Amino acid sequence: MAPSAPELTHYDEQHAVTYIRLLDAEADNADWREVARIVLSIDPALEHDRARRAFDSHLARAKWLTRHGYRHLLRRGAPKSEQ
């Protein structure tokens, strides 16, 4: 499950690429099962409920980041390793 905190978390920073991939998949109208298998590495045929919960929570968090979370990144600035 992705975090639901009202602030950017370390988990969010570590999973930024996952969030972007989920948003891209949604824009392409990809089937959630395929996305869960490829992006989240959870096989919905074996773990349907877990895959769906993970997909839903990560996509919701990705959307939160596009609406609110990016502000936290802007306030922090670029990480030292990227300057």
PDB file of N, CA and C in Angstrom:
ATOM      1  N   MET A   1       0.838  -1.175   0.000  1.00  0.00           N
ATOM      2  CA  MET A   1       0.000   0.000   0.000  1.00  0.00           C
ATOM      3  C   MET A   1       0.886   1.242   0.000  1.00  0.00           C
ATOM      4  N   ALA A   2       0.487   2.188  -0.805  1.00  0.00           N
ATOM      5  CA  ALA A   2       1.180   3.466  -0.841  1.00  0.00           C
ATOM      6  C   ALA A   2       0.769   4.297   0.368  1.00  0.00           C
ATOM      7  N   PRO A   3       1.605   5.234   0.762  1.00  0.00           N
ATOM      8  CA  PRO A   3       1.252   6.075   1.901  1.00  0.00           C
ATOM      9  C   PRO A   3       0.059   6.975   1.592  1.00  0.00           C
ATOM     10  N   SER A   4      -0.566   7.456   2.651  1.00  0.00           N
ATOM     11  CA  SER A   4      -1.669   8.409   2.472  1.00  0.00           C
ATOM     12  C   SER A   4      -1.438   9.657   3.313  1.00  0.00           C
ATOM     13  N   ALA A   5      -0.218   9.854   3.750  1.00  0.00           N
ATOM     14  CA  ALA A   5       0.136  11.018   4.570  1.00  0.00           C
ATOM     15  C   ALA A   5      -0.084  12.306   3.788  1.00  0.00           C
ATOM     16  N   PRO A   6      -0.409  13.401   4.494  1.00  0.00           N
ATOM     17  CA  PRO A   6      -0.634  14.674   3.804  1.00  0.00           C
ATOM     18  C   PRO A   6       0.656  15.385   3.405  1.00  0.00           C
ATOM     19  N   GLU A   7       1.790  14.709   3.572  1.00  0.00           N
ATOM     20  CA  GLU A   7       3.060  15.272   3.150  1.00  0.00           C
ATOM     21  C   GLU A   7       3.837  14.222   2.367  1.00  0.00           C
ATOM     22  N   LEU A   8       4.802  14.693   1.624  1.00  0.00           N
ATOM     23  CA  LEU A   8       5.654  13.812   0.835  1.00  0.00           C
ATOM     24  C   LEU A   8       6.475  12.943   1.784  1.00  0.00           C
ATOM     25  N   THR A   9       6.566  11.661   1.479  1.00  0.00           N
ATOM     26  CA  THR A   9       7.313  10.743   2.333  1.00  0.00           C
ATOM     27  C   THR A   9       8.551  10.218   1.606  1.00  0.00           C
ATOM     28  N   HIS A  10       9.411   9.577   2.376  1.00  0.00           N
ATOM     29  CA  HIS A  10      10.586   8.942   1.789  1.00  0.00           C
ATOM     30  C   HIS A  10      10.145   7.864   0.790  1.00  0.00           C
ATOM     31  N   TYR A  11       9.088   7.141   1.129  1.00  0.00           N
ATOM     32  CA  TYR A  11       8.536   6.127   0.229  1.00  0.00           C
ATOM     33  C   TYR A  11       8.158   6.764  -1.110  1.00  0.00           C
ATOM     34  N   ASP A  12       7.507   7.918  -1.055  1.00  0.00           N
ATOM     35  CA  ASP A  12       7.126   8.615  -2.289  1.00  0.00           C
ATOM     36  C   ASP A  12       8.346   8.939  -3.130  1.00  0.00           C
ATOM     37  N   GLU A  13       9.375   9.441  -2.493  1.00  0.00           N
ATOM     38  CA  GLU A  13      10.593   9.786  -3.219  1.00  0.00           C
ATOM     39  C   GLU A  13      11.204   8.549  -3.875  1.00  0.00           C
ATOM     40  N   GLN A  14      11.191   7.442  -3.164  1.00  0.00           N
ATOM     41  CA  GLN A  14      11.762   6.207  -3.698  1.00  0.00           C
ATOM     42  C   GLN A  14      10.921   5.621  -4.833  1.00  0.00           C
ATOM     43  N   HIS A  15       9.627   5.913  -4.854  1.00  0.00           N
ATOM     44  CA  HIS A  15       8.723   5.305  -5.824  1.00  0.00           C
ATOM     45  C   HIS A  15       8.197   6.288  -6.874  1.00  0.00           C
ATOM     46  N   ALA A  16       8.884   7.385  -7.056  1.00  0.00           N
ATOM     47  CA  ALA A  16       8.451   8.392  -8.025  1.00  0.00           C
ATOM     48  C   ALA A  16       8.314   7.798  -9.428  1.00  0.00           C
ATOM     49  N   VAL A  17       9.242   6.968  -9.831  1.00  0.00           N
ATOM     50  CA  VAL A  17       9.183   6.358 -11.165  1.00  0.00           C
ATOM     51  C   VAL A  17       7.962   5.440 -11.270  1.00  0.00           C
ATOM     52  N   THR A  18       7.666   4.719 -10.215  1.00  0.00           N
ATOM     53  CA  THR A  18       6.469   3.865 -10.201  1.00  0.00           C
ATOM     54  C   THR A  18       5.223   4.706 -10.403  1.00  0.00           C
ATOM     55  N   TYR A  19       5.136   5.814  -9.697  1.00  0.00           N
ATOM     56  CA  TYR A  19       3.977   6.697  -9.836  1.00  0.00           C
ATOM     57  C   TYR A  19       3.839   7.216 -11.269  1.00  0.00           C
ATOM     58  N   ILE A  20       4.940   7.607 -11.854  1.00  0.00           N
ATOM     59  CA  ILE A  20       4.911   8.110 -13.237  1.00  0.00           C
ATOM     60  C   ILE A  20       4.458   7.008 -14.191  1.00  0.00           C
ATOM     61  N   ARG A  21       4.954   5.809 -13.996  1.00  0.00           N
ATOM     62  CA  ARG A  21       4.554   4.693 -14.851  1.00  0.00           C
ATOM     63  C   ARG A  21       3.061   4.397 -14.724  1.00  0.00           C
ATOM     64  N   LEU A  22       2.533   4.495 -13.504  1.00  0.00           N
ATOM     65  CA  LEU A  22       1.100   4.278 -13.297  1.00  0.00           C
ATOM     66  C   LEU A  22       0.273   5.352 -13.994  1.00  0.00           C
ATOM     67  N   LEU A  23       0.702   6.594 -13.902  1.00  0.00           N
ATOM     68  CA  LEU A  23      -0.020   7.674 -14.580  1.00  0.00           C
ATOM     69  C   LEU A  23       0.030   7.506 -16.094  1.00  0.00           C
ATOM     70  N   ASP A  24       1.179   7.096 -16.604  1.00  0.00           N
ATOM     71  CA  ASP A  24       1.299   6.831 -18.046  1.00  0.00           C
ATOM     72  C   ASP A  24       0.385   5.692 -18.469  1.00  0.00           C
ATOM     73  N   ALA A  25       0.352   4.642 -17.673  1.00  0.00           N
ATOM     74  CA  ALA A  25      -0.502   3.495 -17.989  1.00  0.00           C
ATOM     75  C   ALA A  25      -1.974   3.904 -17.983  1.00  0.00           C
ATOM     76  N   GLU A  26      -2.358   4.719 -17.013  1.00  0.00           N
ATOM     77  CA  GLU A  26      -3.741   5.183 -16.966  1.00  0.00           C
ATOM     78  C   GLU A  26      -4.072   6.024 -18.203  1.00  0.00           C
ATOM     79  N   ALA A  27      -3.161   6.886 -18.596  1.00  0.00           N
ATOM     80  CA  ALA A  27      -3.375   7.715 -19.791  1.00  0.00           C
ATOM     81  C   ALA A  27      -3.522   6.857 -21.049  1.00  0.00           C
ATOM     82  N   ASP A  28      -2.862   5.698 -21.053  1.00  0.00           N
ATOM     83  CA  ASP A  28      -2.951   4.769 -22.185  1.00  0.00           C
ATOM     84  C   ASP A  28      -4.108   3.785 -22.055  1.00  0.00           C
ATOM     85  N   ASN A  29      -4.911   3.939 -21.008  1.00  0.00           N
ATOM     86  CA  ASN A  29      -6.038   3.037 -20.742  1.00  0.00           C
ATOM     87  C   ASN A  29      -5.603   1.580 -20.615  1.00  0.00           C
ATOM     88  N   ALA A  30      -4.449   1.368 -20.003  1.00  0.00           N
ATOM     89  CA  ALA A  30      -3.941   0.007 -19.804  1.00  0.00           C
ATOM     90  C   ALA A  30      -4.791  -0.723 -18.771  1.00  0.00           C
ATOM     91  N   ASP A  31      -4.914  -2.012 -18.931  1.00  0.00           N
ATOM     92  CA  ASP A  31      -5.638  -2.838 -17.977  1.00  0.00           C
ATOM     93  C   ASP A  31      -4.886  -2.850 -16.649  1.00  0.00           C
ATOM     94  N   TRP A  32      -5.606  -2.624 -15.556  1.00  0.00           N
ATOM     95  CA  TRP A  32      -4.966  -2.538 -14.238  1.00  0.00           C
ATOM     96  C   TRP A  32      -4.207  -3.811 -13.886  1.00  0.00           C
ATOM     97  N   ARG A  33      -4.683  -4.959 -14.355  1.00  0.00           N
ATOM     98  CA  ARG A  33      -4.017  -6.230 -14.035  1.00  0.00           C
ATOM     99  C   ARG A  33      -2.631  -6.298 -14.673  1.00  0.00           C
ATOM    100  N   GLU A  34      -2.550  -5.847 -15.908  1.00  0.00           N
ATOM    101  CA  GLU A  34      -1.253  -5.823 -16.589  1.00  0.00           C
ATOM    102  C   GLU A  34      -0.303  -4.853 -15.901  1.00  0.00           C
ATOM    103  N   VAL A  35      -0.829  -3.708 -15.503  1.00  0.00           N
ATOM    104  CA  VAL A  35      -0.013  -2.696 -14.821  1.00  0.00           C
ATOM    105  C   VAL A  35       0.469  -3.230 -13.474  1.00  0.00           C
ATOM    106  N   ALA A  36      -0.404  -3.868 -12.733  1.00  0.00           N
ATOM    107  CA  ALA A  36      -0.011  -4.438 -11.437  1.00  0.00           C
ATOM    108  C   ALA A  36       1.106  -5.460 -11.622  1.00  0.00           C
ATOM    109  N   ARG A  37       0.972  -6.289 -12.630  1.00  0.00           N
ATOM    110  CA  ARG A  37       1.972  -7.330 -12.878  1.00  0.00           C
ATOM    111  C   ARG A  37       3.310  -6.720 -13.297  1.00  0.00           C
ATOM    112  N   ILE A  38       3.279  -5.768 -14.217  1.00  0.00           N
ATOM    113  CA  ILE A  38       4.514  -5.216 -14.773  1.00  0.00           C
ATOM    114  C   ILE A  38       5.138  -4.163 -13.865  1.00  0.00           C
ATOM    115  N   VAL A  39       4.338  -3.213 -13.418  1.00  0.00           N
ATOM    116  CA  VAL A  39       4.872  -2.073 -12.667  1.00  0.00           C
ATOM    117  C   VAL A  39       5.048  -2.391 -11.180  1.00  0.00           C
ATOM    118  N   LEU A  40       4.074  -3.087 -10.600  1.00  0.00           N
ATOM    119  CA  LEU A  40       4.125  -3.353  -9.163  1.00  0.00           C
ATOM    120  C   LEU A  40       4.669  -4.746  -8.826  1.00  0.00           C
ATOM    121  N   SER A  41       4.893  -5.545  -9.839  1.00  0.00           N
ATOM    122  CA  SER A  41       5.421  -6.910  -9.672  1.00  0.00           C
ATOM    123  C   SER A  41       4.534  -7.776  -8.777  1.00  0.00           C
ATOM    124  N   ILE A  42       3.216  -7.603  -8.937  1.00  0.00           N
ATOM    125  CA  ILE A  42       2.253  -8.441  -8.220  1.00  0.00           C
ATOM    126  C   ILE A  42       1.362  -9.102  -9.261  1.00  0.00           C
ATOM    127  N   ASP A  43       1.293 -10.401  -9.228  1.00  0.00           N
ATOM    128  CA  ASP A  43       0.485 -11.138 -10.198  1.00  0.00           C
ATOM    129  C   ASP A  43      -0.965 -11.194  -9.719  1.00  0.00           C
ATOM    130  N   PRO A  44      -1.881 -10.496 -10.389  1.00  0.00           N
ATOM    131  CA  PRO A  44      -3.275 -10.500  -9.961  1.00  0.00           C
ATOM    132  C   PRO A  44      -3.948 -11.863 -10.088  1.00  0.00           C
ATOM    133  N   ALA A  45      -3.416 -12.736 -10.905  1.00  0.00           N
ATOM    134  CA  ALA A  45      -3.988 -14.082 -11.003  1.00  0.00           C
ATOM    135  C   ALA A  45      -3.723 -14.866  -9.723  1.00  0.00           C
ATOM    136  N   LEU A  46      -2.629 -14.560  -9.063  1.00  0.00           N
ATOM    137  CA  LEU A  46      -2.270 -15.254  -7.825  1.00  0.00           C
ATOM    138  C   LEU A  46      -2.712 -14.502  -6.571  1.00  0.00           C
ATOM    139  N   GLU A  47      -2.685 -13.172  -6.642  1.00  0.00           N
ATOM    140  CA  GLU A  47      -3.007 -12.331  -5.481  1.00  0.00           C
ATOM    141  C   GLU A  47      -3.918 -11.182  -5.929  1.00  0.00           C
ATOM    142  N   HIS A  48      -5.109 -11.526  -6.336  1.00  0.00           N
ATOM    143  CA  HIS A  48      -6.026 -10.544  -6.910  1.00  0.00           C
ATOM    144  C   HIS A  48      -6.281  -9.360  -5.983  1.00  0.00           C
ATOM    145  N   ASP A  49      -6.681  -9.628  -4.749  1.00  0.00           N
ATOM    146  CA  ASP A  49      -7.029  -8.546  -3.830  1.00  0.00           C
ATOM    147  C   ASP A  49      -5.833  -7.660  -3.506  1.00  0.00           C
ATOM    148  N   ARG A  50      -4.702  -8.281  -3.247  1.00  0.00           N
ATOM    149  CA  ARG A  50      -3.485  -7.511  -2.949  1.00  0.00           C
ATOM    150  C   ARG A  50      -3.076  -6.663  -4.140  1.00  0.00           C
ATOM    151  N   ALA A  51      -3.137  -7.239  -5.325  1.00  0.00           N
ATOM    152  CA  ALA A  51      -2.769  -6.498  -6.531  1.00  0.00           C
ATOM    153  C   ALA A  51      -3.686  -5.302  -6.727  1.00  0.00           C
ATOM    154  N   ARG A  52      -4.980  -5.507  -6.536  1.00  0.00           N
ATOM    155  CA  ARG A  52      -5.932  -4.410  -6.735  1.00  0.00           C
ATOM    156  C   ARG A  52      -5.735  -3.305  -5.707  1.00  0.00           C
ATOM    157  N   ARG A  53      -5.522  -3.693  -4.437  1.00  0.00           N
ATOM    158  CA  ARG A  53      -5.297  -2.683  -3.389  1.00  0.00           C
ATOM    159  C   ARG A  53      -4.016  -1.895  -3.669  1.00  0.00           C
ATOM    160  N   ALA A  54      -2.962  -2.592  -4.056  1.00  0.00           N
ATOM    161  CA  ALA A  54      -1.695  -1.922  -4.347  1.00  0.00           C
ATOM    162  C   ALA A  54      -1.844  -0.991  -5.550  1.00  0.00           C
ATOM    163  N   PHE A  55      -2.492  -1.472  -6.589  1.00  0.00           N
ATOM    164  CA  PHE A  55      -2.707  -0.646  -7.775  1.00  0.00           C
ATOM    165  C   PHE A  55      -3.506   0.603  -7.410  1.00  0.00           C
ATOM    166  N   ASP A  56      -4.623   0.417  -6.737  1.00  0.00           N
ATOM    167  CA  ASP A  56      -5.485   1.549  -6.385  1.00  0.00           C
ATOM    168  C   ASP A  56      -4.777   2.554  -5.488  1.00  0.00           C
ATOM    169  N   SER A  57      -4.072   2.071  -4.476  1.00  0.00           N
ATOM    170  CA  SER A  57      -3.426   2.993  -3.539  1.00  0.00           C
ATOM    171  C   SER A  57      -2.265   3.738  -4.198  1.00  0.00           C
ATOM    172  N   HIS A  58      -1.502   3.055  -5.039  1.00  0.00           N
ATOM    173  CA  HIS A  58      -0.382   3.719  -5.702  1.00  0.00           C
ATOM    174  C   HIS A  58      -0.863   4.710  -6.760  1.00  0.00           C
ATOM    175  N   LEU A  59      -1.914   4.370  -7.475  1.00  0.00           N
ATOM    176  CA  LEU A  59      -2.436   5.313  -8.458  1.00  0.00           C
ATOM    177  C   LEU A  59      -3.031   6.538  -7.758  1.00  0.00           C
ATOM    178  N   ALA A  60      -3.739   6.322  -6.669  1.00  0.00           N
ATOM    179  CA  ALA A  60      -4.291   7.444  -5.912  1.00  0.00           C
ATOM    180  C   ALA A  60      -3.171   8.346  -5.400  1.00  0.00           C
ATOM    181  N   ARG A  61      -2.094   7.734  -4.923  1.00  0.00           N
ATOM    182  CA  ARG A  61      -0.967   8.533  -4.428  1.00  0.00           C
ATOM    183  C   ARG A  61      -0.300   9.284  -5.566  1.00  0.00           C
ATOM    184  N   ALA A  62      -0.175   8.660  -6.712  1.00  0.00           N
ATOM    185  CA  ALA A  62       0.400   9.333  -7.877  1.00  0.00           C
ATOM    186  C   ALA A  62      -0.430  10.551  -8.245  1.00  0.00           C
ATOM    187  N   LYS A  63      -1.736  10.409  -8.206  1.00  0.00           N
ATOM    188  CA  LYS A  63      -2.615  11.541  -8.515  1.00  0.00           C
ATOM    189  C   LYS A  63      -2.507  12.629  -7.454  1.00  0.00           C
ATOM    190  N   TRP A  64      -2.391  12.228  -6.189  1.00  0.00           N
ATOM    191  CA  TRP A  64      -2.210  13.203  -5.115  1.00  0.00           C
ATOM    192  C   TRP A  64      -0.934  14.004  -5.355  1.00  0.00           C
ATOM    193  N   LEU A  65       0.131  13.314  -5.770  1.00  0.00           N
ATOM    194  CA  LEU A  65       1.393  13.998  -6.020  1.00  0.00           C
ATOM    195  C   LEU A  65       1.270  15.022  -7.140  1.00  0.00           C
ATOM    196  N   THR A  66       0.478  14.711  -8.151  1.00  0.00           N
ATOM    197  CA  THR A  66       0.332  15.670  -9.256  1.00  0.00           C
ATOM    198  C   THR A  66      -0.475  16.890  -8.835  1.00  0.00           C
ATOM    199  N   ARG A  67      -1.354  16.716  -7.847  1.00  0.00           N
ATOM    200  CA  ARG A  67      -2.186  17.838  -7.394  1.00  0.00           C
ATOM    201  C   ARG A  67      -1.595  18.599  -6.218  1.00  0.00           C
ATOM    202  N   HIS A  68      -0.930  17.879  -5.305  1.00  0.00           N
ATOM    203  CA  HIS A  68      -0.488  18.504  -4.064  1.00  0.00           C
ATOM    204  C   HIS A  68       0.972  18.228  -3.717  1.00  0.00           C
ATOM    205  N   GLY A  69       1.400  17.016  -3.884  1.00  0.00           N
ATOM    206  CA  GLY A  69       2.721  16.601  -3.425  1.00  0.00           C
ATOM    207  C   GLY A  69       3.876  17.318  -4.080  1.00  0.00           C
ATOM    208  N   TYR A  70       3.717  17.734  -5.318  1.00  0.00           N
ATOM    209  CA  TYR A  70       4.817  18.406  -6.014  1.00  0.00           C
ATOM    210  C   TYR A  70       5.232  19.673  -5.277  1.00  0.00           C
ATOM    211  N   ARG A  71       4.303  20.301  -4.559  1.00  0.00           N
ATOM    212  CA  ARG A  71       4.623  21.526  -3.806  1.00  0.00           C
ATOM    213  C   ARG A  71       5.683  21.244  -2.743  1.00  0.00           C
ATOM    214  N   HIS A  72       5.617  20.053  -2.148  1.00  0.00           N
ATOM    215  CA  HIS A  72       6.605  19.674  -1.145  1.00  0.00           C
ATOM    216  C   HIS A  72       7.989  19.559  -1.788  1.00  0.00           C
ATOM    217  N   LEU A  73       8.033  19.031  -2.996  1.00  0.00           N
ATOM    218  CA  LEU A  73       9.304  18.932  -3.712  1.00  0.00           C
ATOM    219  C   LEU A  73       9.859  20.309  -4.036  1.00  0.00           C
ATOM    220  N   LEU A  74       9.003  21.207  -4.464  1.00  0.00           N
ATOM    221  CA  LEU A  74       9.454  22.553  -4.808  1.00  0.00           C
ATOM    222  C   LEU A  74      10.008  23.285  -3.591  1.00  0.00           C
ATOM    223  N   ARG A  75       9.370  23.091  -2.451  1.00  0.00           N
ATOM    224  CA  ARG A  75       9.857  23.736  -1.218  1.00  0.00           C
ATOM    225  C   ARG A  75      11.216  23.202  -0.801  1.00  0.00           C
ATOM    226  N   ARG A  76      11.446  21.912  -1.018  1.00  0.00           N
ATOM    227  CA  ARG A  76      12.704  21.276  -0.624  1.00  0.00           C
ATOM    228  C   ARG A  76      13.846  21.628  -1.556  1.00  0.00           C
ATOM    229  N   GLY A  77      13.542  21.801  -2.823  1.00  0.00           N
ATOM    230  CA  GLY A  77      14.586  22.009  -3.814  1.00  0.00           C
ATOM    231  C   GLY A  77      15.152  20.682  -4.284  1.00  0.00           C
ATOM    232  N   ALA A  78      16.080  20.739  -5.199  1.00  0.00           N
ATOM    233  CA  ALA A  78      16.709  19.533  -5.750  1.00  0.00           C
ATOM    234  C   ALA A  78      17.595  18.884  -4.708  1.00  0.00           C
ATOM    235  N   PRO A  79      17.647  17.553  -4.686  1.00  0.00           N
ATOM    236  CA  PRO A  79      18.576  16.873  -3.781  1.00  0.00           C
ATOM    237  C   PRO A  79      20.009  17.295  -4.081  1.00  0.00           C
ATOM    238  N   LYS A  80      20.854  17.289  -3.062  1.00  0.00           N
ATOM    239  CA  LYS A  80      22.251  17.716  -3.210  1.00  0.00           C
ATOM    240  C   LYS A  80      22.959  16.975  -4.337  1.00  0.00           C
ATOM    241  N   SER A  81      22.648  15.696  -4.519  1.00  0.00           N
ATOM    242  CA  SER A  81      23.327  14.896  -5.546  1.00  0.00           C
ATOM    243  C   SER A  81      22.935  15.320  -6.960  1.00  0.00           C
ATOM    244  N   GLU A  82      21.842  16.086  -7.110  1.00  0.00           N
ATOM    245  CA  GLU A  82      21.385  16.492  -8.435  1.00  0.00           C
ATOM    246  C   GLU A  82      21.721  17.948  -8.740  1.00  0.00           C
ATOM    247  N   GLN A  83      22.382  18.644  -7.829  1.00  0.00           N
ATOM    248  CA  GLN A  83      22.708  20.057  -8.059  1.00  0.00           C
ATOM    249  C   GLN A  83      24.053  20.204  -8.721  1.00  0.00           C
TER     250      GLN A  83
END
